[in-house]
Amino acid sequence: MKLLTYDPGTGPRCGVLQQEEVVDVASLLGVDSYLPDVRALLELGHSAIDRVGDALAGNINAPTVPLADVHLRSPVLQPPTVRDYIVYEEHATSQGTREVDEVWYRLPVFYFSNPLVIYGPDEEVPYPSASRQLDYELEIGCVVGRGGSNVSESEGLQYIAGFCIFNDWSARDLQFDEMSFGLGPAKGKDSASSLGPWLVTTDEMAPHIQHGRLNLKCGARVNGDVWLEDSDASAAYYTWGSIIERASKDSRIAPGDVIGSGTVGGGSCREAIRKGYEMARFLEPGDTVELEVENIGVLRSTLSTTTTADINYKYGPKNPIAVPERGTHRDYRYQRRS
């Protein structure tokens, strides 16, 4: 199933996609409570998704609205937490141009992002006024479906409700400036994250899960120009089970938590420049970014043109990050280590 959050003009509601129609989930389940997003559905209990499937199979009557007539929102409007990992070695090593610390090969590393600035498909995203080097990051996100602590890798997938596309907007100049201290990323990842277009449930994705990884192709376009094609999501160094295991160790995960995989190989502006895409550059106000993942869909975002650069911001980056030479890695092909 594809679970989503939609707004028919009266406020956000949880829905499920059937062909090109959105079925209202609260009505479908006959629940009295208002379900404003997918998180609210998941909080009904770990059998909530099964209940939706059973209701659809039983042809229970519920209000529908054409997909074309609604405004899609982020599947989860405000996650309890947002953890973002970096499980793709091609991105971690900047396509083999730098060595990463041995710790990356021992454990799946993550940081906490901001759950208060979540944007959905086709929503305008503010361009951060303190940055001149904004980047996209094409990631696969998962949404936690049930609460737990100290979950084992072998059971990790059982805690994932489904998968979506995650754009981790990154102000590279702010990010690399503050990380020179040895902490972060923080402010460089603080302005926005985009999720969508919907949540494809784990059972529907099961045919594409191999050895704990999603076997999917990914691509990116900016203003209609291709900046990435056929990136391999299965090249992740760590499995989704290990991601859940590390997140939940001596801690707690909860329904609606969002977890990002980290950037797939080639899934950022700087990587697109190295690969030789002619139009690739850092993003500018007004750019439209489309991230596509096979069997999930397309997450489209446009950067606002109303933001004025804050040239007097006293905590701005000291120096911009170097722009890679174009085309140096045109023939680069990553192969995951065994």
C-alpha atoms as a PDB file:
ATOM      1  CA  MET A   1       0.000   0.000   0.000  1.00  0.00           C
ATOM      2  CA  LYS A   2       0.867   3.650  -0.401  1.00  0.00           C
ATOM      3  CA  LEU A   3      -0.044   5.577   2.724  1.00  0.00           C
ATOM      4  CA  LEU A   4      -0.060   9.341   2.483  1.00  0.00           C
ATOM      5  CA  THR A   5      -1.064  12.608   4.074  1.00  0.00           C
ATOM      6  CA  TYR A   6      -3.340  14.733   1.941  1.00  0.00           C
ATOM      7  CA  ASP A   7      -5.213  18.014   2.254  1.00  0.00           C
ATOM      8  CA  PRO A   8      -8.519  18.221   0.375  1.00  0.00           C
ATOM      9  CA  GLY A   9      -8.834  21.870   1.382  1.00  0.00           C
ATOM     10  CA  THR A  10     -10.071  21.327   4.930  1.00  0.00           C
ATOM     11  CA  GLY A  11      -6.805  20.329   6.603  1.00  0.00           C
ATOM     12  CA  PRO A  12      -4.418  17.360   6.508  1.00  0.00           C
ATOM     13  CA  ARG A  13      -5.742  13.803   6.727  1.00  0.00           C
ATOM     14  CA  CYS A  14      -4.278  10.311   6.475  1.00  0.00           C
ATOM     15  CA  GLY A  15      -5.152   8.505   3.264  1.00  0.00           C
ATOM     16  CA  VAL A  16      -4.317   5.414   1.255  1.00  0.00           C
ATOM     17  CA  LEU A  17      -3.843   5.466  -2.510  1.00  0.00           C
ATOM     18  CA  GLN A  18      -6.003   3.159  -4.639  1.00  0.00           C
ATOM     19  CA  GLN A  19      -5.230   3.570  -8.338  1.00  0.00           C
ATOM     20  CA  GLU A  20      -5.639   7.365  -8.745  1.00  0.00           C
ATOM     21  CA  GLU A  21      -8.041   7.800  -5.828  1.00  0.00           C
ATOM     22  CA  VAL A  22      -7.245   8.709  -2.231  1.00  0.00           C
ATOM     23  CA  VAL A  23      -9.317   6.833   0.360  1.00  0.00           C
ATOM     24  CA  ASP A  24      -9.776   8.500   3.736  1.00  0.00           C
ATOM     25  CA  VAL A  25      -8.249   6.152   6.325  1.00  0.00           C
ATOM     26  CA  ALA A  26     -10.170   7.321   9.398  1.00  0.00           C
ATOM     27  CA  SER A  27     -13.464   6.641   7.614  1.00  0.00           C
ATOM     28  CA  LEU A  28     -12.153   3.376   6.198  1.00  0.00           C
ATOM     29  CA  LEU A  29     -11.294   2.104   9.687  1.00  0.00           C
ATOM     30  CA  GLY A  30     -14.364   3.593  11.324  1.00  0.00           C
ATOM     31  CA  VAL A  31     -12.323   5.314  14.014  1.00  0.00           C
ATOM     32  CA  ASP A  32     -13.768   8.276  15.883  1.00  0.00           C
ATOM     33  CA  SER A  33     -10.436  10.052  16.279  1.00  0.00           C
ATOM     34  CA  TYR A  34      -9.083  12.482  13.704  1.00  0.00           C
ATOM     35  CA  LEU A  35      -6.061  11.121  11.830  1.00  0.00           C
ATOM     36  CA  PRO A  36      -4.083  14.116  10.528  1.00  0.00           C
ATOM     37  CA  ASP A  37      -1.190  12.122   9.053  1.00  0.00           C
ATOM     38  CA  VAL A  38       0.393   8.694   8.728  1.00  0.00           C
ATOM     39  CA  ARG A  39       2.004   9.022  12.151  1.00  0.00           C
ATOM     40  CA  ALA A  40      -1.464   9.248  13.736  1.00  0.00           C
ATOM     41  CA  LEU A  41      -2.425   6.007  12.006  1.00  0.00           C
ATOM     42  CA  LEU A  42       0.707   4.233  13.224  1.00  0.00           C
ATOM     43  CA  GLU A  43       0.041   5.387  16.774  1.00  0.00           C
ATOM     44  CA  LEU A  44      -3.197   3.331  16.746  1.00  0.00           C
ATOM     45  CA  GLY A  45      -1.013   0.238  17.240  1.00  0.00           C
ATOM     46  CA  HIS A  46       1.346  -2.007  15.333  1.00  0.00           C
ATOM     47  CA  SER A  47      -1.555  -3.732  13.538  1.00  0.00           C
ATOM     48  CA  ALA A  48      -2.859  -0.444  12.085  1.00  0.00           C
ATOM     49  CA  ILE A  49      -1.443  -1.061   8.593  1.00  0.00           C
ATOM     50  CA  ASP A  50      -2.918  -4.564   8.531  1.00  0.00           C
ATOM     51  CA  ARG A  51      -6.297  -3.097   9.481  1.00  0.00           C
ATOM     52  CA  VAL A  52      -6.133  -0.722   6.506  1.00  0.00           C
ATOM     53  CA  GLY A  53      -5.285  -3.602   4.172  1.00  0.00           C
ATOM     54  CA  ASP A  54      -8.098  -5.736   5.551  1.00  0.00           C
ATOM     55  CA  ALA A  55     -10.595  -2.894   5.166  1.00  0.00           C
ATOM     56  CA  LEU A  56      -9.588  -2.338   1.553  1.00  0.00           C
ATOM     57  CA  ALA A  57      -9.839  -6.058   0.841  1.00  0.00           C
ATOM     58  CA  GLY A  58     -13.298  -6.084   2.407  1.00  0.00           C
ATOM     59  CA  ASN A  59     -14.486  -3.277   0.127  1.00  0.00           C
ATOM     60  CA  ILE A  60     -15.589  -1.171   3.075  1.00  0.00           C
ATOM     61  CA  ASN A  61     -17.197   2.019   1.854  1.00  0.00           C
ATOM     62  CA  ALA A  62     -15.241   5.189   2.621  1.00  0.00           C
ATOM     63  CA  PRO A  63     -14.993   8.671   1.076  1.00  0.00           C
ATOM     64  CA  THR A  64     -12.542   9.039  -1.804  1.00  0.00           C
ATOM     65  CA  VAL A  65     -11.143  11.998  -3.705  1.00  0.00           C
ATOM     66  CA  PRO A  66      -9.101  12.048  -6.932  1.00  0.00           C
ATOM     67  CA  LEU A  67      -5.360  12.262  -6.293  1.00  0.00           C
ATOM     68  CA  ALA A  68      -5.163  15.143  -8.772  1.00  0.00           C
ATOM     69  CA  ASP A  69      -7.539  17.208  -6.615  1.00  0.00           C
ATOM     70  CA  VAL A  70      -5.607  17.093  -3.344  1.00  0.00           C
ATOM     71  CA  HIS A  71      -2.473  18.693  -1.954  1.00  0.00           C
ATOM     72  CA  LEU A  72      -0.060  16.029  -0.759  1.00  0.00           C
ATOM     73  CA  ARG A  73       1.809  16.796   2.450  1.00  0.00           C
ATOM     74  CA  SER A  74       4.755  15.038   4.033  1.00  0.00           C
ATOM     75  CA  PRO A  75       3.572  11.547   5.089  1.00  0.00           C
ATOM     76  CA  VAL A  76       4.599  12.486   8.645  1.00  0.00           C
ATOM     77  CA  LEU A  77       3.968  16.144   9.395  1.00  0.00           C
ATOM     78  CA  GLN A  78       6.175  16.375  12.486  1.00  0.00           C
ATOM     79  CA  PRO A  79       8.180  13.252  13.340  1.00  0.00           C
ATOM     80  CA  PRO A  80       9.090  12.605  16.984  1.00  0.00           C
ATOM     81  CA  THR A  81      12.708  12.397  15.804  1.00  0.00           C
ATOM     82  CA  VAL A  82      14.661  12.514  12.550  1.00  0.00           C
ATOM     83  CA  ARG A  83      17.843  10.452  12.408  1.00  0.00           C
ATOM     84  CA  ASP A  84      19.986  10.627   9.296  1.00  0.00           C
ATOM     85  CA  TYR A  85      22.661   8.033   8.547  1.00  0.00           C
ATOM     86  CA  ILE A  86      25.476   7.880   6.003  1.00  0.00           C
ATOM     87  CA  VAL A  87      25.511   4.291   4.770  1.00  0.00           C
ATOM     88  CA  TYR A  88      26.722   4.823   1.188  1.00  0.00           C
ATOM     89  CA  GLU A  89      30.478   4.640   0.858  1.00  0.00           C
ATOM     90  CA  GLU A  90      30.532   6.488  -2.456  1.00  0.00           C
ATOM     91  CA  HIS A  91      29.083   9.550  -0.742  1.00  0.00           C
ATOM     92  CA  ALA A  92      31.085   9.099   2.471  1.00  0.00           C
ATOM     93  CA  THR A  93      34.352   9.051   0.503  1.00  0.00           C
ATOM     94  CA  SER A  94      33.296  11.794  -1.942  1.00  0.00           C
ATOM     95  CA  GLN A  95      33.525   9.251  -4.758  1.00  0.00           C
ATOM     96  CA  GLY A  96      36.869   7.927  -3.583  1.00  0.00           C
ATOM     97  CA  THR A  97      38.554  11.339  -3.223  1.00  0.00           C
ATOM     98  CA  ARG A  98      38.969  11.106   0.559  1.00  0.00           C
ATOM     99  CA  GLU A  99      39.509   8.465   3.199  1.00  0.00           C
ATOM    100  CA  VAL A 100      37.014   8.094   6.001  1.00  0.00           C
ATOM    101  CA  ASP A 101      37.891   7.130   9.539  1.00  0.00           C
ATOM    102  CA  GLU A 102      37.821   3.415  10.334  1.00  0.00           C
ATOM    103  CA  VAL A 103      34.855   4.010  12.633  1.00  0.00           C
ATOM    104  CA  TRP A 104      32.603   4.356   9.559  1.00  0.00           C
ATOM    105  CA  TYR A 105      33.353   0.735   8.665  1.00  0.00           C
ATOM    106  CA  ARG A 106      32.601  -0.483  12.204  1.00  0.00           C
ATOM    107  CA  LEU A 107      29.239   1.116  12.873  1.00  0.00           C
ATOM    108  CA  PRO A 108      26.413   2.933  11.065  1.00  0.00           C
ATOM    109  CA  VAL A 109      26.927   6.613  11.895  1.00  0.00           C
ATOM    110  CA  PHE A 110      24.008   9.042  12.215  1.00  0.00           C
ATOM    111  CA  TYR A 111      23.101  12.508  13.470  1.00  0.00           C
ATOM    112  CA  PHE A 112      19.796  14.044  14.592  1.00  0.00           C
ATOM    113  CA  SER A 113      18.115  16.464  12.205  1.00  0.00           C
ATOM    114  CA  ASN A 114      15.311  18.978  12.788  1.00  0.00           C
ATOM    115  CA  PRO A 115      11.753  17.548  12.967  1.00  0.00           C
ATOM    116  CA  LEU A 116      10.213  21.038  12.973  1.00  0.00           C
ATOM    117  CA  VAL A 117      11.036  21.968   9.352  1.00  0.00           C
ATOM    118  CA  ILE A 118       9.529  19.100   7.340  1.00  0.00           C
ATOM    119  CA  TYR A 119       8.225  19.768   3.823  1.00  0.00           C
ATOM    120  CA  GLY A 120       6.169  17.563   1.526  1.00  0.00           C
ATOM    121  CA  PRO A 121       5.947  17.003  -2.238  1.00  0.00           C
ATOM    122  CA  ASP A 122       5.501  20.052  -4.466  1.00  0.00           C
ATOM    123  CA  GLU A 123       5.921  22.377  -1.490  1.00  0.00           C
ATOM    124  CA  GLU A 124       8.087  25.471  -1.764  1.00  0.00           C
ATOM    125  CA  VAL A 125      11.202  25.155   0.374  1.00  0.00           C
ATOM    126  CA  PRO A 126      12.868  28.299   1.800  1.00  0.00           C
ATOM    127  CA  TYR A 127      16.362  28.987   0.553  1.00  0.00           C
ATOM    128  CA  PRO A 128      18.493  29.564   3.714  1.00  0.00           C
ATOM    129  CA  SER A 129      19.518  33.228   3.876  1.00  0.00           C
ATOM    130  CA  ALA A 130      22.875  32.421   5.536  1.00  0.00           C
ATOM    131  CA  SER A 131      24.060  30.078   2.757  1.00  0.00           C
ATOM    132  CA  ARG A 132      25.416  30.479  -0.761  1.00  0.00           C
ATOM    133  CA  GLN A 133      26.084  26.776  -1.356  1.00  0.00           C
ATOM    134  CA  LEU A 134      22.834  24.863  -0.959  1.00  0.00           C
ATOM    135  CA  ASP A 135      22.857  21.206  -1.972  1.00  0.00           C
ATOM    136  CA  TYR A 136      20.246  18.475  -2.219  1.00  0.00           C
ATOM    137  CA  GLU A 137      20.810  14.952  -0.937  1.00  0.00           C
ATOM    138  CA  LEU A 138      18.896  12.076  -2.482  1.00  0.00           C
ATOM    139  CA  GLU A 139      18.163   9.578   0.255  1.00  0.00           C
ATOM    140  CA  ILE A 140      15.691   6.820   1.023  1.00  0.00           C
ATOM    141  CA  GLY A 141      13.802   7.356   4.238  1.00  0.00           C
ATOM    142  CA  CYS A 142      11.944   4.915   6.413  1.00  0.00           C
ATOM    143  CA  VAL A 143       9.226   5.585   8.961  1.00  0.00           C
ATOM    144  CA  VAL A 144       9.156   3.566  12.169  1.00  0.00           C
ATOM    145  CA  GLY A 145       5.869   1.728  12.644  1.00  0.00           C
ATOM    146  CA  ARG A 146       6.120   0.482  16.214  1.00  0.00           C
ATOM    147  CA  GLY A 147       7.958   1.464  19.351  1.00  0.00           C
ATOM    148  CA  GLY A 148      10.893  -0.456  20.700  1.00  0.00           C
ATOM    149  CA  SER A 149      14.280  -0.514  22.376  1.00  0.00           C
ATOM    150  CA  ASN A 150      17.373  -2.644  21.799  1.00  0.00           C
ATOM    151  CA  VAL A 151      15.975  -4.129  18.587  1.00  0.00           C
ATOM    152  CA  SER A 152      18.210  -6.724  16.928  1.00  0.00           C
ATOM    153  CA  GLU A 153      19.299  -6.394  13.302  1.00  0.00           C
ATOM    154  CA  SER A 154      17.413  -9.570  12.419  1.00  0.00           C
ATOM    155  CA  GLU A 155      14.147  -8.015  13.663  1.00  0.00           C
ATOM    156  CA  GLY A 156      14.781  -4.476  12.424  1.00  0.00           C
ATOM    157  CA  LEU A 157      12.625  -4.598   9.292  1.00  0.00           C
ATOM    158  CA  GLN A 158       9.637  -5.598  11.425  1.00  0.00           C
ATOM    159  CA  TYR A 159       9.780  -2.125  13.000  1.00  0.00           C
ATOM    160  CA  ILE A 160       9.682  -0.255   9.688  1.00  0.00           C
ATOM    161  CA  ALA A 161       6.221   0.778   8.493  1.00  0.00           C
ATOM    162  CA  GLY A 162       7.442   1.728   5.034  1.00  0.00           C
ATOM    163  CA  PHE A 163       9.753   3.755   2.834  1.00  0.00           C
ATOM    164  CA  CYS A 164       9.703   7.153   1.158  1.00  0.00           C
ATOM    165  CA  ILE A 165      12.090   9.594  -0.527  1.00  0.00           C
ATOM    166  CA  PHE A 166      14.071  11.891   1.787  1.00  0.00           C
ATOM    167  CA  ASN A 167      15.736  15.112   0.575  1.00  0.00           C
ATOM    168  CA  ASP A 168      18.268  16.224   3.168  1.00  0.00           C
ATOM    169  CA  TRP A 169      18.766  19.856   2.136  1.00  0.00           C
ATOM    170  CA  SER A 170      22.353  20.784   3.027  1.00  0.00           C
ATOM    171  CA  ALA A 171      23.971  24.219   3.296  1.00  0.00           C
ATOM    172  CA  ARG A 172      27.479  23.042   2.464  1.00  0.00           C
ATOM    173  CA  ASP A 173      29.278  26.264   3.380  1.00  0.00           C
ATOM    174  CA  LEU A 174      27.676  26.302   6.833  1.00  0.00           C
ATOM    175  CA  GLN A 175      28.124  22.547   7.262  1.00  0.00           C
ATOM    176  CA  PHE A 176      31.825  22.348   6.491  1.00  0.00           C
ATOM    177  CA  ASP A 177      32.635  25.529   8.406  1.00  0.00           C
ATOM    178  CA  GLU A 178      31.101  24.311  11.670  1.00  0.00           C
ATOM    179  CA  MET A 179      32.316  20.722  11.237  1.00  0.00           C
ATOM    180  CA  SER A 180      35.927  21.894  11.164  1.00  0.00           C
ATOM    181  CA  PHE A 181      35.518  22.031  14.954  1.00  0.00           C
ATOM    182  CA  GLY A 182      34.753  18.289  15.041  1.00  0.00           C
ATOM    183  CA  LEU A 183      31.040  18.466  15.879  1.00  0.00           C
ATOM    184  CA  GLY A 184      28.051  18.158  13.609  1.00  0.00           C
ATOM    185  CA  PRO A 185      26.565  18.446  11.064  1.00  0.00           C
ATOM    186  CA  ALA A 186      24.132  20.805  12.771  1.00  0.00           C
ATOM    187  CA  LYS A 187      23.249  24.264  11.414  1.00  0.00           C
ATOM    188  CA  GLY A 188      24.145  23.244   7.888  1.00  0.00           C
ATOM    189  CA  LYS A 189      21.264  20.730   8.007  1.00  0.00           C
ATOM    190  CA  ASP A 190      18.849  22.794  10.091  1.00  0.00           C
ATOM    191  CA  SER A 191      16.675  24.634   7.561  1.00  0.00           C
ATOM    192  CA  ALA A 192      14.610  21.928   5.837  1.00  0.00           C
ATOM    193  CA  SER A 193      14.022  18.264   5.033  1.00  0.00           C
ATOM    194  CA  SER A 194      11.548  17.073   2.410  1.00  0.00           C
ATOM    195  CA  LEU A 195       9.688  13.741   2.555  1.00  0.00           C
ATOM    196  CA  GLY A 196       7.337  12.029   0.141  1.00  0.00           C
ATOM    197  CA  PRO A 197       5.515  11.585  -2.026  1.00  0.00           C
ATOM    198  CA  TRP A 198       3.992   8.867   0.179  1.00  0.00           C
ATOM    199  CA  LEU A 199       4.977   5.917   2.336  1.00  0.00           C
ATOM    200  CA  VAL A 200       5.222   2.599   0.500  1.00  0.00           C
ATOM    201  CA  THR A 201       4.592  -0.074   3.106  1.00  0.00           C
ATOM    202  CA  THR A 202       7.309  -2.584   3.869  1.00  0.00           C
ATOM    203  CA  ASP A 203       5.213  -5.541   2.715  1.00  0.00           C
ATOM    204  CA  GLU A 204       4.784  -3.926  -0.712  1.00  0.00           C
ATOM    205  CA  MET A 205       8.530  -3.276  -0.894  1.00  0.00           C
ATOM    206  CA  ALA A 206       9.396  -6.849   0.151  1.00  0.00           C
ATOM    207  CA  PRO A 207      10.105  -8.082  -3.422  1.00  0.00           C
ATOM    208  CA  HIS A 208      12.749  -5.346  -3.697  1.00  0.00           C
ATOM    209  CA  ILE A 209      14.503  -6.099  -0.397  1.00  0.00           C
ATOM    210  CA  GLN A 210      17.575  -8.283  -0.839  1.00  0.00           C
ATOM    211  CA  HIS A 211      20.016  -9.067   1.958  1.00  0.00           C
ATOM    212  CA  GLY A 212      18.419  -6.355   4.086  1.00  0.00           C
ATOM    213  CA  ARG A 213      18.881  -3.651   1.435  1.00  0.00           C
ATOM    214  CA  LEU A 214      16.514  -2.050  -1.058  1.00  0.00           C
ATOM    215  CA  ASN A 215      17.330  -3.061  -4.624  1.00  0.00           C
ATOM    216  CA  LEU A 216      16.114   0.095  -6.375  1.00  0.00           C
ATOM    217  CA  LYS A 217      17.415   2.589  -8.931  1.00  0.00           C
ATOM    218  CA  CYS A 218      17.544   6.284  -8.078  1.00  0.00           C
ATOM    219  CA  GLY A 219      17.814   9.479 -10.109  1.00  0.00           C
ATOM    220  CA  ALA A 220      17.768  13.259  -9.812  1.00  0.00           C
ATOM    221  CA  ARG A 221      16.794  16.172 -12.042  1.00  0.00           C
ATOM    222  CA  VAL A 222      17.160  19.923 -11.538  1.00  0.00           C
ATOM    223  CA  ASN A 223      15.009  22.178 -13.704  1.00  0.00           C
ATOM    224  CA  GLY A 224      14.403  19.150 -15.913  1.00  0.00           C
ATOM    225  CA  ASP A 225      18.101  18.420 -16.479  1.00  0.00           C
ATOM    226  CA  VAL A 226      19.383  14.996 -15.419  1.00  0.00           C
ATOM    227  CA  TRP A 227      22.002  15.216 -12.640  1.00  0.00           C
ATOM    228  CA  LEU A 228      21.904  11.527 -11.671  1.00  0.00           C
ATOM    229  CA  GLU A 229      20.558   8.340 -13.194  1.00  0.00           C
ATOM    230  CA  ASP A 230      20.502   4.671 -12.198  1.00  0.00           C
ATOM    231  CA  SER A 231      22.197   5.043  -8.828  1.00  0.00           C
ATOM    232  CA  ASP A 232      22.016   1.711  -6.999  1.00  0.00           C
ATOM    233  CA  ALA A 233      20.277   1.828  -3.616  1.00  0.00           C
ATOM    234  CA  SER A 234      21.430  -1.740  -2.881  1.00  0.00           C
ATOM    235  CA  ALA A 235      25.026  -0.483  -2.626  1.00  0.00           C
ATOM    236  CA  ALA A 236      24.412   0.511   1.008  1.00  0.00           C
ATOM    237  CA  TYR A 237      27.241  -0.653   3.259  1.00  0.00           C
ATOM    238  CA  TYR A 238      24.811  -1.330   6.134  1.00  0.00           C
ATOM    239  CA  THR A 239      21.393  -3.018   6.136  1.00  0.00           C
ATOM    240  CA  TRP A 240      18.146  -1.445   7.258  1.00  0.00           C
ATOM    241  CA  GLY A 241      18.116  -3.905  10.148  1.00  0.00           C
ATOM    242  CA  SER A 242      21.473  -2.643  11.368  1.00  0.00           C
ATOM    243  CA  ILE A 243      20.221   0.937  11.052  1.00  0.00           C
ATOM    244  CA  ILE A 244      17.282   0.138  13.350  1.00  0.00           C
ATOM    245  CA  GLU A 245      19.523  -1.820  15.723  1.00  0.00           C
ATOM    246  CA  ARG A 246      21.903   1.126  16.174  1.00  0.00           C
ATOM    247  CA  ALA A 247      19.084   3.684  16.521  1.00  0.00           C
ATOM    248  CA  SER A 248      17.305   1.699  19.232  1.00  0.00           C
ATOM    249  CA  LYS A 249      20.330   0.595  21.286  1.00  0.00           C
ATOM    250  CA  ASP A 250      19.995   1.889  24.864  1.00  0.00           C
ATOM    251  CA  SER A 251      17.361   4.251  23.505  1.00  0.00           C
ATOM    252  CA  ARG A 252      13.855   4.194  22.065  1.00  0.00           C
ATOM    253  CA  ILE A 253      12.274   4.413  18.642  1.00  0.00           C
ATOM    254  CA  ALA A 254       8.621   5.378  18.263  1.00  0.00           C
ATOM    255  CA  PRO A 255       5.886   5.309  15.622  1.00  0.00           C
ATOM    256  CA  GLY A 256       6.438   8.158  13.174  1.00  0.00           C
ATOM    257  CA  ASP A 257      10.188   8.429  13.711  1.00  0.00           C
ATOM    258  CA  VAL A 258      11.913   9.190  10.395  1.00  0.00           C
ATOM    259  CA  ILE A 259      15.258   7.650   9.512  1.00  0.00           C
ATOM    260  CA  GLY A 260      17.285   8.603   6.443  1.00  0.00           C
ATOM    261  CA  SER A 261      19.707   6.258   4.719  1.00  0.00           C
ATOM    262  CA  GLY A 262      22.169   8.969   3.828  1.00  0.00           C
ATOM    263  CA  THR A 263      22.917  10.070   0.294  1.00  0.00           C
ATOM    264  CA  VAL A 264      22.918   7.397  -2.403  1.00  0.00           C
ATOM    265  CA  GLY A 265      25.980   7.292  -4.628  1.00  0.00           C
ATOM    266  CA  GLY A 266      26.068  10.385  -6.834  1.00  0.00           C
ATOM    267  CA  GLY A 267      23.037  11.895  -5.103  1.00  0.00           C
ATOM    268  CA  SER A 268      24.258  15.463  -4.487  1.00  0.00           C
ATOM    269  CA  CYS A 269      25.314  18.517  -6.485  1.00  0.00           C
ATOM    270  CA  ARG A 270      29.033  18.087  -5.821  1.00  0.00           C
ATOM    271  CA  GLU A 271      28.929  14.444  -6.922  1.00  0.00           C
ATOM    272  CA  ALA A 272      27.009  15.414 -10.063  1.00  0.00           C
ATOM    273  CA  ILE A 273      29.748  17.932 -10.883  1.00  0.00           C
ATOM    274  CA  ARG A 274      32.455  15.260 -10.502  1.00  0.00           C
ATOM    275  CA  LYS A 275      30.432  12.938 -12.738  1.00  0.00           C
ATOM    276  CA  GLY A 276      30.494  15.597 -15.442  1.00  0.00           C
ATOM    277  CA  TYR A 277      26.840  16.617 -15.679  1.00  0.00           C
ATOM    278  CA  GLU A 278      27.059  19.848 -17.648  1.00  0.00           C
ATOM    279  CA  MET A 279      24.424  21.844 -15.756  1.00  0.00           C
ATOM    280  CA  ALA A 280      25.372  20.639 -12.256  1.00  0.00           C
ATOM    281  CA  ARG A 281      26.191  23.362  -9.702  1.00  0.00           C
ATOM    282  CA  PHE A 282      25.078  24.439  -6.246  1.00  0.00           C
ATOM    283  CA  LEU A 283      21.371  25.222  -6.075  1.00  0.00           C
ATOM    284  CA  GLU A 284      19.858  28.655  -6.582  1.00  0.00           C
ATOM    285  CA  PRO A 285      16.522  30.223  -5.551  1.00  0.00           C
ATOM    286  CA  GLY A 286      13.790  29.147  -7.951  1.00  0.00           C
ATOM    287  CA  ASP A 287      15.370  25.797  -8.820  1.00  0.00           C
ATOM    288  CA  THR A 288      13.045  22.797  -9.024  1.00  0.00           C
ATOM    289  CA  VAL A 289      14.581  19.564  -7.737  1.00  0.00           C
ATOM    290  CA  GLU A 290      13.055  16.189  -8.584  1.00  0.00           C
ATOM    291  CA  LEU A 291      14.309  13.090  -6.784  1.00  0.00           C
ATOM    292  CA  GLU A 292      13.107   9.747  -8.089  1.00  0.00           C
ATOM    293  CA  VAL A 293      13.334   6.277  -6.596  1.00  0.00           C
ATOM    294  CA  GLU A 294      12.106   3.223  -8.445  1.00  0.00           C
ATOM    295  CA  ASN A 295       8.879   1.729  -7.021  1.00  0.00           C
ATOM    296  CA  ILE A 296       8.412   4.720  -4.718  1.00  0.00           C
ATOM    297  CA  GLY A 297       7.902   7.715  -6.992  1.00  0.00           C
ATOM    298  CA  VAL A 298       9.094  11.301  -7.439  1.00  0.00           C
ATOM    299  CA  LEU A 299       9.632  13.919  -4.743  1.00  0.00           C
ATOM    300  CA  ARG A 300       9.493  17.372  -6.330  1.00  0.00           C
ATOM    301  CA  SER A 301      10.463  20.603  -4.540  1.00  0.00           C
ATOM    302  CA  THR A 302      10.984  24.205  -5.632  1.00  0.00           C
ATOM    303  CA  LEU A 303      13.285  26.570  -3.783  1.00  0.00           C
ATOM    304  CA  SER A 304      11.762  29.874  -2.766  1.00  0.00           C
ATOM    305  CA  THR A 305      12.771  33.063  -4.560  1.00  0.00           C
ATOM    306  CA  THR A 306      11.590  35.316  -1.727  1.00  0.00           C
ATOM    307  CA  THR A 307      14.570  34.781   0.599  1.00  0.00           C
ATOM    308  CA  THR A 308      17.017  37.684   0.775  1.00  0.00           C
ATOM    309  CA  ALA A 309      20.646  36.803   1.407  1.00  0.00           C
ATOM    310  CA  ASP A 310      21.666  37.923   4.882  1.00  0.00           C
ATOM    311  CA  ILE A 311      25.065  39.435   4.116  1.00  0.00           C
ATOM    312  CA  ASN A 312      25.328  40.821   7.636  1.00  0.00           C
ATOM    313  CA  TYR A 313      24.791  37.505   9.435  1.00  0.00           C
ATOM    314  CA  LYS A 314      27.595  37.445  11.983  1.00  0.00           C
ATOM    315  CA  TYR A 315      27.871  33.646  12.117  1.00  0.00           C
ATOM    316  CA  GLY A 316      28.222  33.111   8.395  1.00  0.00           C
ATOM    317  CA  PRO A 317      30.868  30.737   7.034  1.00  0.00           C
ATOM    318  CA  LYS A 318      34.393  32.068   6.809  1.00  0.00           C
ATOM    319  CA  ASN A 319      35.158  30.462   3.459  1.00  0.00           C
ATOM    320  CA  PRO A 320      33.049  28.661   0.842  1.00  0.00           C
ATOM    321  CA  ILE A 321      33.693  24.994   0.222  1.00  0.00           C
ATOM    322  CA  ALA A 322      35.729  24.233  -2.888  1.00  0.00           C
ATOM    323  CA  VAL A 323      33.707  23.308  -5.975  1.00  0.00           C
ATOM    324  CA  PRO A 324      34.970  20.025  -7.502  1.00  0.00           C
ATOM    325  CA  GLU A 325      36.489  20.018 -10.962  1.00  0.00           C
ATOM    326  CA  ARG A 326      33.854  18.966 -13.450  1.00  0.00           C
ATOM    327  CA  GLY A 327      34.054  15.491 -14.949  1.00  0.00           C
ATOM    328  CA  THR A 328      36.978  14.117 -12.954  1.00  0.00           C
ATOM    329  CA  HIS A 329      34.943  11.029 -12.009  1.00  0.00           C
ATOM    330  CA  ARG A 330      32.929  10.610 -15.189  1.00  0.00           C
ATOM    331  CA  ASP A 331      33.836   6.921 -15.376  1.00  0.00           C
ATOM    332  CA  TYR A 332      33.764   6.229 -11.627  1.00  0.00           C
ATOM    333  CA  ARG A 333      31.765   3.098 -10.719  1.00  0.00           C
ATOM    334  CA  TYR A 334      31.380   2.142  -7.068  1.00  0.00           C
ATOM    335  CA  GLN A 335      31.469  -1.510  -5.999  1.00  0.00           C
ATOM    336  CA  ARG A 336      30.427  -2.358  -2.443  1.00  0.00           C
ATOM    337  CA  ARG A 337      32.946  -4.336  -0.453  1.00  0.00           C
ATOM    338  CA  SER A 338      31.899  -7.825   0.603  1.00  0.00           C
END
